[in-house]
PDB file of all heavy atoms in Angstrom:
ATOM      1  N   GLU A   1      13.685  13.273   3.123  1.00  0.00           N
ATOM      2  CA  GLU A   1      14.414  12.594   4.249  1.00  0.00           C
ATOM      3  C   GLU A   1      15.230  11.455   3.882  1.00  0.00           C
ATOM      4  O   GLU A   1      16.352  11.316   4.356  1.00  0.00           O
ATOM      5  CB  GLU A   1      13.374  12.167   5.352  1.00  0.00           C
ATOM      6  CG  GLU A   1      12.638  13.252   5.928  1.00  0.00           C
ATOM      7  CD  GLU A   1      11.495  12.912   6.930  1.00  0.00           C
ATOM      8  OE1 GLU A   1      11.352  11.620   6.977  1.00  0.00           O
ATOM      9  OE2 GLU A   1      10.905  13.632   7.572  1.00  0.00           O
ATOM     10  N   ASN A   2      14.819  10.762   2.830  1.00  0.00           N
ATOM     11  CA  ASN A   2      15.558   9.429   2.528  1.00  0.00           C
ATOM     12  C   ASN A   2      16.031   9.504   1.057  1.00  0.00           C
ATOM     13  O   ASN A   2      16.357   8.404   0.500  1.00  0.00           O
ATOM     14  CB  ASN A   2      14.579   8.325   2.694  1.00  0.00           C
ATOM     15  CG  ASN A   2      14.036   8.130   4.082  1.00  0.00           C
ATOM     16  OD1 ASN A   2      14.895   8.337   5.168  1.00  0.00           O
ATOM     17  ND2 ASN A   2      12.822   7.776   4.337  1.00  0.00           N
ATOM     18  N   GLY A   3      16.115  10.765   0.401  1.00  0.00           N
ATOM     19  CA  GLY A   3      16.623  10.689  -0.934  1.00  0.00           C
ATOM     20  C   GLY A   3      18.012  10.454  -1.086  1.00  0.00           C
ATOM     21  O   GLY A   3      18.540  10.122  -2.138  1.00  0.00           O
ATOM     22  N   LYS A   4      18.877  10.460   0.031  1.00  0.00           N
ATOM     23  CA  LYS A   4      20.248  10.143  -0.055  1.00  0.00           C
ATOM     24  C   LYS A   4      20.470   8.703  -0.239  1.00  0.00           C
ATOM     25  O   LYS A   4      21.633   8.106  -0.400  1.00  0.00           O
ATOM     26  CB  LYS A   4      20.944  10.538   1.268  1.00  0.00           C
ATOM     27  CG  LYS A   4      20.279   9.948   2.410  1.00  0.00           C
ATOM     28  CD  LYS A   4      20.965  10.467   3.767  1.00  0.00           C
ATOM     29  CE  LYS A   4      20.388   9.910   5.043  1.00  0.00           C
ATOM     30  NZ  LYS A   4      21.082  10.495   6.253  1.00  0.00           N
ATOM     31  N   TYR A   5      19.522   7.741  -0.167  1.00  0.00           N
ATOM     32  CA  TYR A   5      19.694   6.326  -0.262  1.00  0.00           C
ATOM     33  C   TYR A   5      19.358   5.899  -1.697  1.00  0.00           C
ATOM     34  O   TYR A   5      19.315   4.661  -1.976  1.00  0.00           O
ATOM     35  CB  TYR A   5      18.778   5.534   0.696  1.00  0.00           C
ATOM     36  CG  TYR A   5      19.221   5.903   2.198  1.00  0.00           C
ATOM     37  CD1 TYR A   5      18.357   6.569   3.011  1.00  0.00           C
ATOM     38  CD2 TYR A   5      20.362   5.416   2.636  1.00  0.00           C
ATOM     39  CE1 TYR A   5      18.692   6.895   4.267  1.00  0.00           C
ATOM     40  CE2 TYR A   5      20.674   5.736   3.996  1.00  0.00           C
ATOM     41  CZ  TYR A   5      19.909   6.607   4.770  1.00  0.00           C
ATOM     42  OH  TYR A   5      20.274   6.732   6.113  1.00  0.00           O
ATOM     43  N   ILE A   6      19.007   6.693  -2.546  1.00  0.00           N
ATOM     44  CA  ILE A   6      18.682   6.387  -3.971  1.00  0.00           C
ATOM     45  C   ILE A   6      19.744   7.075  -4.866  1.00  0.00           C
ATOM     46  O   ILE A   6      20.224   8.146  -4.507  1.00  0.00           O
ATOM     47  CB  ILE A   6      17.228   6.684  -4.396  1.00  0.00           C
ATOM     48  CG1 ILE A   6      16.939   8.258  -4.237  1.00  0.00           C
ATOM     49  CG2 ILE A   6      16.220   5.909  -3.534  1.00  0.00           C
ATOM     50  CD1 ILE A   6      15.554   8.567  -4.729  1.00  0.00           C
ATOM     51  N   PRO A   7      19.948   6.659  -6.122  1.00  0.00           N
ATOM     52  CA  PRO A   7      20.920   7.298  -6.984  1.00  0.00           C
ATOM     53  C   PRO A   7      20.454   8.682  -7.334  1.00  0.00           C
ATOM     54  O   PRO A   7      19.340   9.046  -7.241  1.00  0.00           O
ATOM     55  CB  PRO A   7      20.924   6.375  -8.275  1.00  0.00           C
ATOM     56  CG  PRO A   7      20.467   5.150  -7.766  1.00  0.00           C
ATOM     57  CD  PRO A   7      19.444   5.285  -6.605  1.00  0.00           C
ATOM     58  N   ARG A   8      21.493   9.448  -7.806  1.00  0.00           N
ATOM     59  CA  ARG A   8      21.280  10.886  -8.134  1.00  0.00           C
ATOM     60  C   ARG A   8      20.166  11.062  -9.174  1.00  0.00           C
ATOM     61  O   ARG A   8      19.265  11.896  -9.171  1.00  0.00           O
ATOM     62  CB  ARG A   8      22.548  11.480  -8.494  1.00  0.00           C
ATOM     63  CG  ARG A   8      22.384  13.102  -8.755  1.00  0.00           C
ATOM     64  CD  ARG A   8      23.692  13.640  -9.135  1.00  0.00           C
ATOM     65  NE  ARG A   8      24.678  13.357  -8.273  1.00  0.00           N
ATOM     66  CZ  ARG A   8      24.931  14.212  -7.155  1.00  0.00           C
ATOM     67  NH1 ARG A   8      24.079  15.221  -6.950  1.00  0.00           N
ATOM     68  NH2 ARG A   8      25.811  13.937  -6.298  1.00  0.00           N
ATOM     69  N   GLN A   9      20.125  10.247 -10.205  1.00  0.00           N
ATOM     70  CA  GLN A   9      19.252  10.171 -11.300  1.00  0.00           C
ATOM     71  C   GLN A   9      17.778   9.981 -10.814  1.00  0.00           C
ATOM     72  O   GLN A   9      16.825  10.636 -11.179  1.00  0.00           O
ATOM     73  CB  GLN A   9      19.671   9.229 -12.473  1.00  0.00           C
ATOM     74  CG  GLN A   9      18.682   9.308 -13.554  1.00  0.00           C
ATOM     75  CD  GLN A   9      18.999   8.299 -14.702  1.00  0.00           C
ATOM     76  OE1 GLN A   9      19.994   7.572 -14.566  1.00  0.00           O
ATOM     77  NE2 GLN A   9      18.254   8.312 -15.829  1.00  0.00           N
ATOM     78  N   SER A  10      17.593   8.952  -9.926  1.00  0.00           N
ATOM     79  CA  SER A  10      16.325   8.627  -9.402  1.00  0.00           C
ATOM     80  C   SER A  10      15.811   9.802  -8.602  1.00  0.00           C
ATOM     81  O   SER A  10      14.662  10.177  -8.541  1.00  0.00           O
ATOM     82  CB  SER A  10      16.377   7.433  -8.553  1.00  0.00           C
ATOM     83  OG  SER A  10      16.734   6.306  -9.357  1.00  0.00           O
ATOM     84  N   PHE A  11      16.728  10.390  -7.762  1.00  0.00           N
ATOM     85  CA  PHE A  11      16.346  11.599  -6.990  1.00  0.00           C
ATOM     86  C   PHE A  11      15.883  12.791  -7.828  1.00  0.00           C
ATOM     87  O   PHE A  11      14.911  13.487  -7.656  1.00  0.00           O
ATOM     88  CB  PHE A  11      17.428  12.003  -6.014  1.00  0.00           C
ATOM     89  CG  PHE A  11      17.190  13.248  -5.182  1.00  0.00           C
ATOM     90  CD1 PHE A  11      16.473  13.067  -4.053  1.00  0.00           C
ATOM     91  CD2 PHE A  11      17.708  14.452  -5.609  1.00  0.00           C
ATOM     92  CE1 PHE A  11      16.204  14.226  -3.274  1.00  0.00           C
ATOM     93  CE2 PHE A  11      17.306  15.550  -4.879  1.00  0.00           C
ATOM     94  CZ  PHE A  11      16.655  15.524  -3.717  1.00  0.00           C
ATOM     95  N   ALA A  12      16.610  12.984  -8.985  1.00  0.00           N
ATOM     96  CA  ALA A  12      16.332  14.078  -9.836  1.00  0.00           C
ATOM     97  C   ALA A  12      14.926  13.873 -10.587  1.00  0.00           C
ATOM     98  O   ALA A  12      14.267  14.848 -10.830  1.00  0.00           O
ATOM     99  CB  ALA A  12      17.467  14.288 -10.831  1.00  0.00           C
ATOM    100  N   MET A  13      14.691  12.674 -10.924  1.00  0.00           N
ATOM    101  CA  MET A  13      13.467  12.344 -11.613  1.00  0.00           C
ATOM    102  C   MET A  13      12.223  12.723 -10.679  1.00  0.00           C
ATOM    103  O   MET A  13      11.272  13.241 -11.100  1.00  0.00           O
ATOM    104  CB  MET A  13      13.501  10.911 -11.917  1.00  0.00           C
ATOM    105  CG  MET A  13      14.236  10.584 -13.121  1.00  0.00           C
ATOM    106  SD  MET A  13      14.418   8.785 -13.544  1.00  0.00           S
ATOM    107  CE  MET A  13      12.644   8.475 -13.791  1.00  0.00           C
ATOM    108  N   ARG A  14      12.353  12.236  -9.392  1.00  0.00           N
ATOM    109  CA  ARG A  14      11.207  12.487  -8.485  1.00  0.00           C
ATOM    110  C   ARG A  14      11.182  13.883  -8.105  1.00  0.00           C
ATOM    111  O   ARG A  14      10.028  14.396  -7.980  1.00  0.00           O
ATOM    112  CB  ARG A  14      11.510  11.790  -7.163  1.00  0.00           C
ATOM    113  CG  ARG A  14      11.374  10.114  -7.391  1.00  0.00           C
ATOM    114  CD  ARG A  14      11.920   9.415  -6.269  1.00  0.00           C
ATOM    115  NE  ARG A  14      11.603   7.894  -6.315  1.00  0.00           N
ATOM    116  CZ  ARG A  14      12.196   7.064  -7.160  1.00  0.00           C
ATOM    117  NH1 ARG A  14      13.212   7.491  -7.841  1.00  0.00           N
ATOM    118  NH2 ARG A  14      11.832   5.761  -7.071  1.00  0.00           N
ATOM    119  N   LYS A  15      12.237  14.630  -7.993  1.00  0.00           N
ATOM    120  CA  LYS A  15      12.238  16.025  -7.717  1.00  0.00           C
ATOM    121  C   LYS A  15      11.619  16.749  -8.869  1.00  0.00           C
ATOM    122  O   LYS A  15      10.916  17.747  -8.705  1.00  0.00           O
ATOM    123  CB  LYS A  15      13.608  16.467  -7.365  1.00  0.00           C
ATOM    124  CG  LYS A  15      13.735  18.115  -6.964  1.00  0.00           C
ATOM    125  CD  LYS A  15      15.035  18.345  -6.467  1.00  0.00           C
ATOM    126  CE  LYS A  15      14.899  19.769  -5.970  1.00  0.00           C
ATOM    127  NZ  LYS A  15      16.387  20.238  -5.430  1.00  0.00           N
ATOM    128  N   HIS A  16      12.020  16.375 -10.085  1.00  0.00           N
ATOM    129  CA  HIS A  16      11.446  16.966 -11.243  1.00  0.00           C
ATOM    130  C   HIS A  16       9.973  16.853 -11.312  1.00  0.00           C
ATOM    131  O   HIS A  16       9.151  17.672 -11.648  1.00  0.00           O
ATOM    132  CB  HIS A  16      12.080  16.263 -12.502  1.00  0.00           C
ATOM    133  CG  HIS A  16      11.583  16.870 -13.869  1.00  0.00           C
ATOM    134  ND1 HIS A  16      10.403  16.452 -14.539  1.00  0.00           N
ATOM    135  CD2 HIS A  16      11.978  18.038 -14.593  1.00  0.00           C
ATOM    136  CE1 HIS A  16      10.252  17.124 -15.509  1.00  0.00           C
ATOM    137  NE2 HIS A  16      11.128  18.111 -15.684  1.00  0.00           N
ATOM    138  N   TYR A  17       9.444  15.723 -10.911  1.00  0.00           N
ATOM    139  CA  TYR A  17       7.897  15.477 -10.904  1.00  0.00           C
ATOM    140  C   TYR A  17       7.254  16.340  -9.934  1.00  0.00           C
ATOM    141  O   TYR A  17       6.189  16.943 -10.225  1.00  0.00           O
ATOM    142  CB  TYR A  17       7.701  14.078 -10.594  1.00  0.00           C
ATOM    143  CG  TYR A  17       6.205  13.671 -10.313  1.00  0.00           C
ATOM    144  CD1 TYR A  17       5.359  13.529 -11.330  1.00  0.00           C
ATOM    145  CD2 TYR A  17       5.734  13.562  -9.035  1.00  0.00           C
ATOM    146  CE1 TYR A  17       3.965  13.339 -11.137  1.00  0.00           C
ATOM    147  CE2 TYR A  17       4.368  13.339  -8.734  1.00  0.00           C
ATOM    148  CZ  TYR A  17       3.517  13.318  -9.781  1.00  0.00           C
ATOM    149  OH  TYR A  17       2.163  13.005  -9.473  1.00  0.00           O
ATOM    150  N   PHE A  18       7.955  16.691  -8.790  1.00  0.00           N
ATOM    151  CA  PHE A  18       7.298  17.555  -7.821  1.00  0.00           C
ATOM    152  C   PHE A  18       7.555  19.007  -8.058  1.00  0.00           C
ATOM    153  O   PHE A  18       6.557  19.898  -7.903  1.00  0.00           O
ATOM    154  CB  PHE A  18       7.758  17.104  -6.426  1.00  0.00           C
ATOM    155  CG  PHE A  18       7.274  15.878  -5.907  1.00  0.00           C
ATOM    156  CD1 PHE A  18       8.049  14.808  -5.551  1.00  0.00           C
ATOM    157  CD2 PHE A  18       5.985  15.667  -5.684  1.00  0.00           C
ATOM    158  CE1 PHE A  18       7.655  13.640  -5.198  1.00  0.00           C
ATOM    159  CE2 PHE A  18       5.460  14.476  -5.228  1.00  0.00           C
ATOM    160  CZ  PHE A  18       6.253  13.450  -4.967  1.00  0.00           C
ATOM    161  N   ASN A  19       8.711  19.396  -8.373  1.00  0.00           N
ATOM    162  CA  ASN A  19       9.072  20.817  -8.423  1.00  0.00           C
ATOM    163  C   ASN A  19       9.455  21.429  -9.763  1.00  0.00           C
ATOM    164  O   ASN A  19       9.971  22.572  -9.734  1.00  0.00           O
ATOM    165  CB  ASN A  19      10.361  20.906  -7.443  1.00  0.00           C
ATOM    166  CG  ASN A  19       9.975  21.031  -6.047  1.00  0.00           C
ATOM    167  OD1 ASN A  19       9.048  20.374  -5.587  1.00  0.00           O
ATOM    168  ND2 ASN A  19      10.704  21.683  -5.196  1.00  0.00           N
ATOM    169  N   HIS A  20       9.247  20.812 -10.824  1.00  0.00           N
ATOM    170  CA  HIS A  20       9.512  21.401 -12.091  1.00  0.00           C
ATOM    171  C   HIS A  20       8.763  22.748 -12.217  1.00  0.00           C
ATOM    172  O   HIS A  20       7.492  22.821 -11.910  1.00  0.00           O
ATOM    173  CB  HIS A  20       9.249  20.563 -13.237  1.00  0.00           C
ATOM    174  CG  HIS A  20       9.840  20.982 -14.548  1.00  0.00           C
ATOM    175  ND1 HIS A  20       8.961  21.593 -15.548  1.00  0.00           N
ATOM    176  CD2 HIS A  20      10.919  20.907 -15.118  1.00  0.00           C
ATOM    177  CE1 HIS A  20       9.618  21.978 -16.507  1.00  0.00           C
ATOM    178  NE2 HIS A  20      10.954  21.594 -16.394  1.00  0.00           N
ATOM    179  N   ALA A  21       9.262  23.723 -12.804  1.00  0.00           N
ATOM    180  CA  ALA A  21       8.655  25.079 -12.882  1.00  0.00           C
ATOM    181  C   ALA A  21       7.425  25.070 -13.801  1.00  0.00           C
ATOM    182  O   ALA A  21       6.508  25.866 -13.554  1.00  0.00           O
ATOM    183  CB  ALA A  21       9.612  26.119 -13.349  1.00  0.00           C
ATOM    184  N   GLU A  22       7.324  24.200 -14.783  1.00  0.00           N
ATOM    185  CA  GLU A  22       6.239  24.250 -15.764  1.00  0.00           C
ATOM    186  C   GLU A  22       5.256  22.985 -15.541  1.00  0.00           C
ATOM    187  O   GLU A  22       4.085  23.264 -15.662  1.00  0.00           O
ATOM    188  CB  GLU A  22       6.684  24.296 -17.182  1.00  0.00           C
ATOM    189  CG  GLU A  22       7.555  25.617 -17.414  1.00  0.00           C
ATOM    190  CD  GLU A  22       8.065  25.510 -18.906  1.00  0.00           C
ATOM    191  OE1 GLU A  22       7.764  24.569 -19.682  1.00  0.00           O
ATOM    192  OE2 GLU A  22       8.663  26.593 -19.284  1.00  0.00           O
ATOM    193  N   THR A  23       5.874  21.838 -15.309  1.00  0.00           N
ATOM    194  CA  THR A  23       5.033  20.642 -15.266  1.00  0.00           C
ATOM    195  C   THR A  23       4.953  19.990 -13.847  1.00  0.00           C
ATOM    196  O   THR A  23       4.529  18.960 -13.656  1.00  0.00           O
ATOM    197  CB  THR A  23       5.536  19.647 -16.274  1.00  0.00           C
ATOM    198  OG1 THR A  23       6.904  19.305 -15.985  1.00  0.00           O
ATOM    199  CG2 THR A  23       5.480  20.101 -17.591  1.00  0.00           C
ATOM    200  N   GLY A  24       5.685  20.599 -12.814  1.00  0.00           N
ATOM    201  CA  GLY A  24       5.768  20.031 -11.477  1.00  0.00           C
ATOM    202  C   GLY A  24       4.348  19.958 -10.798  1.00  0.00           C
ATOM    203  O   GLY A  24       3.505  20.941 -11.076  1.00  0.00           O
ATOM    204  N   PHE A  25       4.301  18.949  -9.969  1.00  0.00           N
ATOM    205  CA  PHE A  25       2.848  18.792  -9.337  1.00  0.00           C
ATOM    206  C   PHE A  25       2.559  19.968  -8.531  1.00  0.00           C
ATOM    207  O   PHE A  25       1.506  20.432  -8.509  1.00  0.00           O
ATOM    208  CB  PHE A  25       2.925  17.502  -8.506  1.00  0.00           C
ATOM    209  CG  PHE A  25       1.626  17.129  -7.925  1.00  0.00           C
ATOM    210  CD1 PHE A  25       0.608  16.398  -8.472  1.00  0.00           C
ATOM    211  CD2 PHE A  25       1.384  17.515  -6.496  1.00  0.00           C
ATOM    212  CE1 PHE A  25      -0.557  16.269  -7.898  1.00  0.00           C
ATOM    213  CE2 PHE A  25       0.210  17.206  -5.836  1.00  0.00           C
ATOM    214  CZ  PHE A  25      -0.757  16.575  -6.610  1.00  0.00           C
ATOM    215  N   PHE A  26       3.563  20.398  -7.609  1.00  0.00           N
ATOM    216  CA  PHE A  26       3.258  21.492  -6.770  1.00  0.00           C
ATOM    217  C   PHE A  26       3.085  22.891  -7.420  1.00  0.00           C
ATOM    218  O   PHE A  26       2.558  23.818  -6.787  1.00  0.00           O
ATOM    219  CB  PHE A  26       4.464  21.651  -5.761  1.00  0.00           C
ATOM    220  CG  PHE A  26       4.550  20.433  -4.911  1.00  0.00           C
ATOM    221  CD1 PHE A  26       5.796  19.952  -4.405  1.00  0.00           C
ATOM    222  CD2 PHE A  26       3.475  19.743  -4.390  1.00  0.00           C
ATOM    223  CE1 PHE A  26       5.930  18.848  -3.567  1.00  0.00           C
ATOM    224  CE2 PHE A  26       3.544  18.661  -3.435  1.00  0.00           C
ATOM    225  CZ  PHE A  26       4.782  18.248  -3.064  1.00  0.00           C
ATOM    226  N   LYS A  27       3.448  22.945  -8.675  1.00  0.00           N
ATOM    227  CA  LYS A  27       3.212  24.174  -9.403  1.00  0.00           C
ATOM    228  C   LYS A  27       1.990  24.157 -10.274  1.00  0.00           C
ATOM    229  O   LYS A  27       1.395  25.278 -10.442  1.00  0.00           O
ATOM    230  CB  LYS A  27       4.576  24.468 -10.369  1.00  0.00           C
ATOM    231  CG  LYS A  27       5.721  24.830  -9.681  1.00  0.00           C
ATOM    232  CD  LYS A  27       5.577  26.211  -9.072  1.00  0.00           C
ATOM    233  CE  LYS A  27       6.783  26.780  -8.589  1.00  0.00           C
ATOM    234  NZ  LYS A  27       6.681  28.266  -8.031  1.00  0.00           N
ATOM    235  N   THR A  28       1.535  23.038 -10.741  1.00  0.00           N
ATOM    236  CA  THR A  28       0.427  22.982 -11.685  1.00  0.00           C
ATOM    237  C   THR A  28      -0.899  22.689 -10.940  1.00  0.00           C
ATOM    238  O   THR A  28      -1.971  23.212 -11.455  1.00  0.00           O
ATOM    239  CB  THR A  28       0.617  21.870 -12.765  1.00  0.00           C
ATOM    240  OG1 THR A  28       0.836  20.630 -12.121  1.00  0.00           O
ATOM    241  CG2 THR A  28       1.833  22.322 -13.476  1.00  0.00           C
ATOM    242  N   VAL A  29      -0.852  21.938  -9.824  1.00  0.00           N
ATOM    243  CA  VAL A  29      -2.098  21.552  -9.231  1.00  0.00           C
ATOM    244  C   VAL A  29      -2.527  22.636  -8.251  1.00  0.00           C
ATOM    245  O   VAL A  29      -1.794  23.151  -7.384  1.00  0.00           O
ATOM    246  CB  VAL A  29      -1.894  20.284  -8.447  1.00  0.00           C
ATOM    247  CG1 VAL A  29      -3.196  19.902  -7.687  1.00  0.00           C
ATOM    248  CG2 VAL A  29      -1.457  19.178  -9.417  1.00  0.00           C
ATOM    249  N   LYS A  30      -3.808  23.144  -8.539  1.00  0.00           N
ATOM    250  CA  LYS A  30      -4.329  24.166  -7.693  1.00  0.00           C
ATOM    251  C   LYS A  30      -5.763  23.646  -7.115  1.00  0.00           C
ATOM    252  O   LYS A  30      -6.605  23.380  -8.031  1.00  0.00           O
ATOM    253  CB  LYS A  30      -4.586  25.569  -8.392  1.00  0.00           C
ATOM    254  CG  LYS A  30      -3.261  26.114  -8.948  1.00  0.00           C
ATOM    255  CD  LYS A  30      -2.229  26.456  -7.880  1.00  0.00           C
ATOM    256  CE  LYS A  30      -0.966  27.088  -8.484  1.00  0.00           C
ATOM    257  NZ  LYS A  30       0.004  27.458  -7.365  1.00  0.00           N
TER     258      LYS A  30
END
């Protein structure tokens, strides 16, 4: 909802933490 208020690099880092195909939180945590 509020990712548009932070720089693109900061948004990409947070999205990488959640959605990365190999190390993302939503992919690895079961």
